C-alpha atoms as a PDB file:
ATOM      1  CA  MET A   1      96.017 103.806  75.795  1.00  0.00           C
ATOM      2  CA  PHE A   2      94.898 103.659  79.382  1.00  0.00           C
ATOM      3  CA  VAL A   3      96.344 101.974  82.421  1.00  0.00           C
ATOM      4  CA  SER A   4      95.177  98.432  82.927  1.00  0.00           C
ATOM      5  CA  ARG A   5      92.457  98.337  85.559  1.00  0.00           C
ATOM      6  CA  CYS A   6      91.610  94.619  85.674  1.00  0.00           C
ATOM      7  CA  CYS A   7      93.032  94.046  89.130  1.00  0.00           C
ATOM      8  CA  LEU A   8      91.524  97.266  90.413  1.00  0.00           C
ATOM      9  CA  PHE A   9      88.019  96.440  89.184  1.00  0.00           C
ATOM     10  CA  THR A  10      88.220  92.968  90.698  1.00  0.00           C
ATOM     11  CA  PHE A  11      89.218  94.429  94.052  1.00  0.00           C
ATOM     12  CA  VAL A  12      86.789  97.316  94.245  1.00  0.00           C
ATOM     13  CA  LEU A  13      83.678  95.254  93.621  1.00  0.00           C
ATOM     14  CA  VAL A  14      84.339  93.065  96.648  1.00  0.00           C
ATOM     15  CA  VAL A  15      82.584  94.285  99.774  1.00  0.00           C
ATOM     16  CA  VAL A  16      83.396  92.809 103.160  1.00  0.00           C
ATOM     17  CA  SER A  17      80.327  91.762 105.095  1.00  0.00           C
ATOM     18  CA  GLY A  18      79.889  92.267 108.799  1.00  0.00           C
ATOM     19  CA  ALA A  19      81.442  94.782 111.157  1.00  0.00           C
ATOM     20  CA  PRO A  20      84.728  96.168 109.875  1.00  0.00           C
ATOM     21  CA  ARG A  21      87.985  95.089 111.461  1.00  0.00           C
ATOM     22  CA  ARG A  22      90.788  97.570 111.748  1.00  0.00           C
ATOM     23  CA  SER A  23      93.972  96.458 110.092  1.00  0.00           C
ATOM     24  CA  PRO A  24      97.333  98.186 109.648  1.00  0.00           C
ATOM     25  CA  ARG A  25      97.156 100.726 106.872  1.00  0.00           C
ATOM     26  CA  SER A  26      99.509 100.417 103.953  1.00  0.00           C
ATOM     27  CA  THR A  27     102.537 102.664 104.050  1.00  0.00           C
ATOM     28  CA  VAL A  28     101.615 104.058 100.636  1.00  0.00           C
ATOM     29  CA  PRO A  29      97.976 105.231 100.501  1.00  0.00           C
ATOM     30  CA  VAL A  30      95.942 103.593  97.770  1.00  0.00           C
ATOM     31  CA  TRP A  31      95.130 106.985  96.202  1.00  0.00           C
ATOM     32  CA  HIS A  32      98.854 107.459  95.496  1.00  0.00           C
ATOM     33  CA  SER A  33      98.573 104.685  92.909  1.00  0.00           C
ATOM     34  CA  PRO A  34      94.846 104.566  92.079  1.00  0.00           C
ATOM     35  CA  CYS A  35      95.314 102.407  88.991  1.00  0.00           C
ATOM     36  CA  GLY A  36      97.328  99.773  90.831  1.00  0.00           C
ATOM     37  CA  ASP A  37     100.999  98.912  90.543  1.00  0.00           C
ATOM     38  CA  GLU A  38     101.133  99.127  86.766  1.00  0.00           C
ATOM     39  CA  SER A  39     102.387 102.591  85.918  1.00  0.00           C
ATOM     40  CA  GLU A  40     103.908 102.142  82.484  1.00  0.00           C
ATOM     41  CA  THR A  41     101.346 104.283  80.687  1.00  0.00           C
ATOM     42  CA  GLU A  42     103.011 106.671  78.280  1.00  0.00           C
ATOM     43  CA  ALA A  43     101.711 109.790  76.577  1.00  0.00           C
ATOM     44  CA  ALA A  44     100.397 108.941  73.153  1.00  0.00           C
ATOM     45  CA  ALA A  45     101.484 110.569  69.918  1.00  0.00           C
ATOM     46  CA  PHE A  46      98.540 112.636  68.707  1.00  0.00           C
ATOM     47  CA  THR A  47      97.461 113.433  65.209  1.00  0.00           C
ATOM     48  CA  ASN A  48      94.537 115.489  66.496  1.00  0.00           C
ATOM     49  CA  LEU A  49      94.800 116.837  70.043  1.00  0.00           C
ATOM     50  CA  ASN A  50      91.272 118.263  70.037  1.00  0.00           C
ATOM     51  CA  GLU A  51      89.879 114.891  69.091  1.00  0.00           C
ATOM     52  CA  GLU A  52      91.860 113.244  71.892  1.00  0.00           C
ATOM     53  CA  VAL A  53      90.521 115.726  74.452  1.00  0.00           C
ATOM     54  CA  GLU A  54      86.970 115.054  73.262  1.00  0.00           C
ATOM     55  CA  THR A  55      87.549 111.315  73.630  1.00  0.00           C
ATOM     56  CA  SER A  56      88.913 111.809  77.140  1.00  0.00           C
ATOM     57  CA  LEU A  57      85.875 113.834  78.175  1.00  0.00           C
ATOM     58  CA  LYS A  58      83.484 111.195  76.852  1.00  0.00           C
ATOM     59  CA  SER A  59      85.317 108.461  78.748  1.00  0.00           C
ATOM     60  CA  LEU A  60      85.419 110.490  81.956  1.00  0.00           C
ATOM     61  CA  LYS A  61      81.749 111.386  81.582  1.00  0.00           C
ATOM     62  CA  LEU A  62      80.863 107.695  81.480  1.00  0.00           C
ATOM     63  CA  GLN A  63      82.933 106.945  84.593  1.00  0.00           C
ATOM     64  CA  HIS A  64      81.415 109.928  86.379  1.00  0.00           C
ATOM     65  CA  LYS A  65      77.887 108.711  85.602  1.00  0.00           C
ATOM     66  CA  MET A  66      78.727 105.322  87.107  1.00  0.00           C
ATOM     67  CA  THR A  67      80.186 107.022  90.205  1.00  0.00           C
ATOM     68  CA  MET A  68      77.202 109.358  90.567  1.00  0.00           C
ATOM     69  CA  ASP A  69      74.684 106.528  90.144  1.00  0.00           C
ATOM     70  CA  GLU A  70      76.503 104.395  92.694  1.00  0.00           C
ATOM     71  CA  TYR A  71      76.422 107.187  95.266  1.00  0.00           C
ATOM     72  CA  LEU A  72      72.704 107.813  94.761  1.00  0.00           C
ATOM     73  CA  ASN A  73      71.927 104.098  95.010  1.00  0.00           C
ATOM     74  CA  ARG A  74      73.417 103.914  98.506  1.00  0.00           C
ATOM     75  CA  ASP A  75      70.463 105.916  99.952  1.00  0.00           C
ATOM     76  CA  TYR A  76      72.634 107.752 102.465  1.00  0.00           C
ATOM     77  CA  ASP A  77      69.694 109.965 103.464  1.00  0.00           C
ATOM     78  CA  TYR A  78      68.170 106.904 105.079  1.00  0.00           C
ATOM     79  CA  LEU A  79      71.398 105.464 106.482  1.00  0.00           C
ATOM     80  CA  TYR A  80      72.289 108.763 108.179  1.00  0.00           C
ATOM     81  CA  GLU A  81      68.755 109.730 109.158  1.00  0.00           C
ATOM     82  CA  ARG A  82      69.867 110.102 112.778  1.00  0.00           C
ATOM     83  CA  VAL A  83      72.061 113.089 112.003  1.00  0.00           C
ATOM     84  CA  ARG A  84      71.020 114.471 108.621  1.00  0.00           C
ATOM     85  CA  ILE A  85      68.304 116.683 110.120  1.00  0.00           C
ATOM     86  CA  GLY A  86      69.727 119.768 111.794  1.00  0.00           C
ATOM     87  CA  VAL A  87      73.304 119.416 110.542  1.00  0.00           C
ATOM     88  CA  HIS A  88      74.451 122.886 109.586  1.00  0.00           C
ATOM     89  CA  GLU A  89      77.204 123.823 107.182  1.00  0.00           C
ATOM     90  CA  HIS A  90      79.586 124.966 109.924  1.00  0.00           C
ATOM     91  CA  GLN A  91      79.484 121.411 111.293  1.00  0.00           C
ATOM     92  CA  TYR A  92      80.786 119.833 108.095  1.00  0.00           C
ATOM     93  CA  ILE A  93      84.071 118.214 109.015  1.00  0.00           C
ATOM     94  CA  PRO A  94      86.780 118.250 107.794  1.00  0.00           C
ATOM     95  CA  ASN A  95      86.887 121.753 106.312  1.00  0.00           C
ATOM     96  CA  TRP A  96      89.697 120.940 103.826  1.00  0.00           C
ATOM     97  CA  ILE A  97      87.318 118.752 101.867  1.00  0.00           C
ATOM     98  CA  PRO A  98      86.288 120.488  98.598  1.00  0.00           C
ATOM     99  CA  GLY A  99      83.253 122.651  99.370  1.00  0.00           C
ATOM    100  CA  LYS A 100      81.150 125.478  97.978  1.00  0.00           C
ATOM    101  CA  LYS A 101      84.088 127.453  96.596  1.00  0.00           C
ATOM    102  CA  ASP A 102      85.262 124.426  94.617  1.00  0.00           C
ATOM    103  CA  VAL A 103      81.722 123.591  93.487  1.00  0.00           C
ATOM    104  CA  ASN A 104      81.201 127.135  92.182  1.00  0.00           C
ATOM    105  CA  MET A 105      84.527 126.963  90.341  1.00  0.00           C
ATOM    106  CA  ILE A 106      83.476 123.737  88.653  1.00  0.00           C
ATOM    107  CA  LYS A 107      80.079 125.088  87.646  1.00  0.00           C
ATOM    108  CA  ARG A 108      81.821 127.910  85.784  1.00  0.00           C
ATOM    109  CA  LEU A 109      83.099 125.225  83.415  1.00  0.00           C
ATOM    110  CA  VAL A 110      79.561 124.533  82.166  1.00  0.00           C
ATOM    111  CA  ASN A 111      79.536 125.083  78.385  1.00  0.00           C
ATOM    112  CA  ALA A 112      83.295 125.689  78.417  1.00  0.00           C
ATOM    113  CA  LYS A 113      85.485 124.474  75.578  1.00  0.00           C
ATOM    114  CA  PRO A 114      86.764 120.877  75.943  1.00  0.00           C
ATOM    115  CA  GLN A 115      90.391 121.959  76.405  1.00  0.00           C
ATOM    116  CA  MET A 116      89.435 124.305  79.245  1.00  0.00           C
ATOM    117  CA  ILE A 117      87.587 121.479  80.987  1.00  0.00           C
ATOM    118  CA  ALA A 118      90.556 119.156  80.471  1.00  0.00           C
ATOM    119  CA  ASN A 119      92.863 121.752  82.007  1.00  0.00           C
ATOM    120  CA  HIS A 120      90.884 121.289  85.236  1.00  0.00           C
ATOM    121  CA  PHE A 121      91.753 117.564  85.420  1.00  0.00           C
ATOM    122  CA  PRO A 122      94.733 118.077  87.796  1.00  0.00           C
ATOM    123  CA  LYS A 123      92.496 120.014  90.222  1.00  0.00           C
ATOM    124  CA  LEU A 124      89.896 117.250  89.962  1.00  0.00           C
ATOM    125  CA  HIS A 125      92.667 114.756  90.700  1.00  0.00           C
ATOM    126  CA  VAL A 126      93.699 116.587  93.890  1.00  0.00           C
ATOM    127  CA  ASP A 127      90.089 117.006  95.032  1.00  0.00           C
ATOM    128  CA  LEU A 128      89.364 113.293  94.598  1.00  0.00           C
ATOM    129  CA  GLN A 129      92.488 112.458  96.591  1.00  0.00           C
ATOM    130  CA  LYS A 130      91.194 114.610  99.450  1.00  0.00           C
ATOM    131  CA  PHE A 131      87.901 112.757  99.404  1.00  0.00           C
ATOM    132  CA  ALA A 132      89.875 109.496  99.379  1.00  0.00           C
ATOM    133  CA  VAL A 133      91.673 110.541 102.581  1.00  0.00           C
ATOM    134  CA  ALA A 134      88.336 111.154 104.271  1.00  0.00           C
ATOM    135  CA  PHE A 135      86.643 107.995 102.999  1.00  0.00           C
ATOM    136  CA  GLU A 136      89.510 105.830 104.217  1.00  0.00           C
ATOM    137  CA  GLU A 137      88.771 107.081 107.735  1.00  0.00           C
ATOM    138  CA  LEU A 138      84.994 106.811 107.357  1.00  0.00           C
ATOM    139  CA  VAL A 139      85.283 103.174 106.286  1.00  0.00           C
ATOM    140  CA  GLU A 140      87.741 102.356 109.081  1.00  0.00           C
ATOM    141  CA  ASP A 141      85.561 103.922 111.785  1.00  0.00           C
ATOM    142  CA  GLU A 142      82.139 102.582 110.814  1.00  0.00           C
ATOM    143  CA  THR A 143      80.916  99.607 112.876  1.00  0.00           C
ATOM    144  CA  ASN A 144      77.419  99.319 111.399  1.00  0.00           C
ATOM    145  CA  SER A 145      77.819  96.665 108.711  1.00  0.00           C
ATOM    146  CA  ARG A 146      75.177  98.120 106.389  1.00  0.00           C
ATOM    147  CA  ILE A 147      76.668 101.620 106.444  1.00  0.00           C
ATOM    148  CA  HIS A 148      80.203 100.214 106.257  1.00  0.00           C
ATOM    149  CA  ASP A 149      79.376  98.244 103.112  1.00  0.00           C
ATOM    150  CA  ALA A 150      77.766 101.304 101.511  1.00  0.00           C
ATOM    151  CA  LEU A 151      80.803 103.461 102.307  1.00  0.00           C
ATOM    152  CA  LYS A 152      83.133 100.767 100.971  1.00  0.00           C
ATOM    153  CA  LEU A 153      81.341 100.709  97.620  1.00  0.00           C
ATOM    154  CA  THR A 154      81.341 104.493  97.374  1.00  0.00           C
ATOM    155  CA  GLN A 155      85.050 104.484  98.192  1.00  0.00           C
ATOM    156  CA  SER A 156      85.656 101.908  95.464  1.00  0.00           C
ATOM    157  CA  TYR A 157      83.940 103.961  92.770  1.00  0.00           C
ATOM    158  CA  LEU A 158      85.785 107.044  93.973  1.00  0.00           C
ATOM    159  CA  MET A 159      89.051 105.203  93.350  1.00  0.00           C
ATOM    160  CA  MET A 160      87.904 104.141  89.889  1.00  0.00           C
ATOM    161  CA  MET A 161      87.093 107.761  89.103  1.00  0.00           C
ATOM    162  CA  LEU A 162      90.516 108.857  90.351  1.00  0.00           C
ATOM    163  CA  CYS A 163      92.181 106.195  88.221  1.00  0.00           C
ATOM    164  CA  GLU A 164      90.262 107.375  85.166  1.00  0.00           C
ATOM    165  CA  VAL A 165      91.289 110.984  85.754  1.00  0.00           C
ATOM    166  CA  GLU A 166      94.929 110.026  86.268  1.00  0.00           C
ATOM    167  CA  SER A 167      94.921 107.952  83.073  1.00  0.00           C
ATOM    168  CA  HIS A 168      93.739 110.917  81.016  1.00  0.00           C
ATOM    169  CA  ILE A 169      96.191 113.333  82.633  1.00  0.00           C
ATOM    170  CA  VAL A 170      99.055 111.005  81.725  1.00  0.00           C
ATOM    171  CA  THR A 171      97.965 110.716  78.102  1.00  0.00           C
ATOM    172  CA  LEU A 172      97.416 114.422  77.494  1.00  0.00           C
ATOM    173  CA  PRO A 173     100.773 116.139  76.776  1.00  0.00           C
ATOM    174  CA  SER A 174      99.851 119.505  78.307  1.00  0.00           C
ATOM    175  CA  LEU A 175      98.972 118.047  81.726  1.00  0.00           C
ATOM    176  CA  ARG A 176     101.013 116.655  84.607  1.00  0.00           C
ATOM    177  CA  ILE A 177     100.043 114.481  87.581  1.00  0.00           C
ATOM    178  CA  PRO A 178      99.746 116.800  90.610  1.00  0.00           C
ATOM    179  CA  LEU A 179     101.347 116.183  93.984  1.00  0.00           C
ATOM    180  CA  ARG A 180      99.969 113.318  96.037  1.00  0.00           C
ATOM    181  CA  VAL A 181      97.831 114.244  99.019  1.00  0.00           C
ATOM    182  CA  GLU A 182      99.108 112.833 102.314  1.00  0.00           C
ATOM    183  CA  ARG A 183      97.084 111.338 105.156  1.00  0.00           C
ATOM    184  CA  SER A 184      98.404 114.094 107.423  1.00  0.00           C
ATOM    185  CA  ILE A 185      95.965 116.538 105.828  1.00  0.00           C
ATOM    186  CA  MET A 186      93.404 115.029 108.205  1.00  0.00           C
ATOM    187  CA  SER A 187      94.131 116.024 111.795  1.00  0.00           C
ATOM    188  CA  SER A 188      94.018 113.679 114.778  1.00  0.00           C
ATOM    189  CA  THR A 189      91.049 115.641 116.139  1.00  0.00           C
ATOM    190  CA  GLU A 190      89.118 114.998 112.939  1.00  0.00           C
ATOM    191  CA  ARG A 191      90.076 111.332 113.026  1.00  0.00           C
ATOM    192  CA  GLU A 192      89.009 110.842 116.634  1.00  0.00           C
ATOM    193  CA  PRO A 193      85.710 112.593 117.405  1.00  0.00           C
ATOM    194  CA  ILE A 194      84.890 112.601 121.119  1.00  0.00           C
ATOM    195  CA  ASP A 195      81.660 110.633 120.662  1.00  0.00           C
ATOM    196  CA  ASP A 196      79.718 108.619 118.102  1.00  0.00           C
ATOM    197  CA  THR A 197      77.261 111.406 117.355  1.00  0.00           C
ATOM    198  CA  ARG A 198      80.039 113.779 116.336  1.00  0.00           C
ATOM    199  CA  ARG A 199      81.593 111.037 114.222  1.00  0.00           C
ATOM    200  CA  LEU A 200      78.296 110.598 112.387  1.00  0.00           C
ATOM    201  CA  VAL A 201      78.038 114.361 111.865  1.00  0.00           C
ATOM    202  CA  ARG A 202      81.579 114.327 110.460  1.00  0.00           C
ATOM    203  CA  ASP A 203      80.752 111.451 108.132  1.00  0.00           C
ATOM    204  CA  TRP A 204      77.459 112.962 106.976  1.00  0.00           C
ATOM    205  CA  GLY A 205      79.229 116.251 106.261  1.00  0.00           C
ATOM    206  CA  VAL A 206      81.809 114.475 104.091  1.00  0.00           C
ATOM    207  CA  LEU A 207      79.073 112.639 102.206  1.00  0.00           C
ATOM    208  CA  LEU A 208      77.133 115.840 101.550  1.00  0.00           C
ATOM    209  CA  LYS A 209      80.218 117.591 100.216  1.00  0.00           C
ATOM    210  CA  TYR A 210      81.011 114.598  98.014  1.00  0.00           C
ATOM    211  CA  ARG A 211      77.435 114.591  96.674  1.00  0.00           C
ATOM    212  CA  ASP A 212      77.579 118.327  95.893  1.00  0.00           C
ATOM    213  CA  TYR A 213      80.962 117.902  94.226  1.00  0.00           C
ATOM    214  CA  LEU A 214      79.713 115.093  91.986  1.00  0.00           C
ATOM    215  CA  HIS A 215      76.605 117.107  91.103  1.00  0.00           C
ATOM    216  CA  ALA A 216      78.790 120.052  90.062  1.00  0.00           C
ATOM    217  CA  TRP A 217      80.688 117.877  87.587  1.00  0.00           C
ATOM    218  CA  ARG A 218      77.398 116.434  86.377  1.00  0.00           C
ATOM    219  CA  HIS A 219      76.482 119.956  85.231  1.00  0.00           C
ATOM    220  CA  VAL A 220      79.751 120.128  83.308  1.00  0.00           C
ATOM    221  CA  PHE A 221      79.240 116.731  81.641  1.00  0.00           C
ATOM    222  CA  ASN A 222      75.599 117.619  80.990  1.00  0.00           C
ATOM    223  CA  TYR A 223      73.869 114.266  81.244  1.00  0.00           C
END
């Protein structure tokens, strides 16, 4: 029923060691086809739509738990110790990354009916794409090999989560894949901080927002 992810899983579990090397970015961002090149998934014929929604939520809950656990295992509090103390909310960059308003919206889904939660999948899809835009830049900019490898793994699980969400949107007849988010959503100023300290503040802000976003969905999945 779902898009084949074999190639994706093989790719995402490989982490490049050593300082990152900048390479030309693909013309089509990876989050525009998160499940790889195979896009022949078709909506299934349902005998019980409610049962299918329940199955989708269980599958997405499992993928979310893996994504949440991976993030927590990176110990970003330690890796970003230089900037995590004294970073205030107004310094979180970029401001188009899903924040408190989005987190509060998600938390209102706690104890909601399965179909109502499923109806939020397209919004989840867009939000994950926005995080993907940011993480692409974070990975590209990081020269510390330990932090780079941690970011790369987090990015990989983010893409697996996005693929899972897209797979369920495609198979549920009432939902449609939303518009793809473009790289241009991130401004040149955000991509090129004037010094390393401000870059680290930017990166730490993105990571905190990603953590809060994942925690919000954890409340919804209730595990």
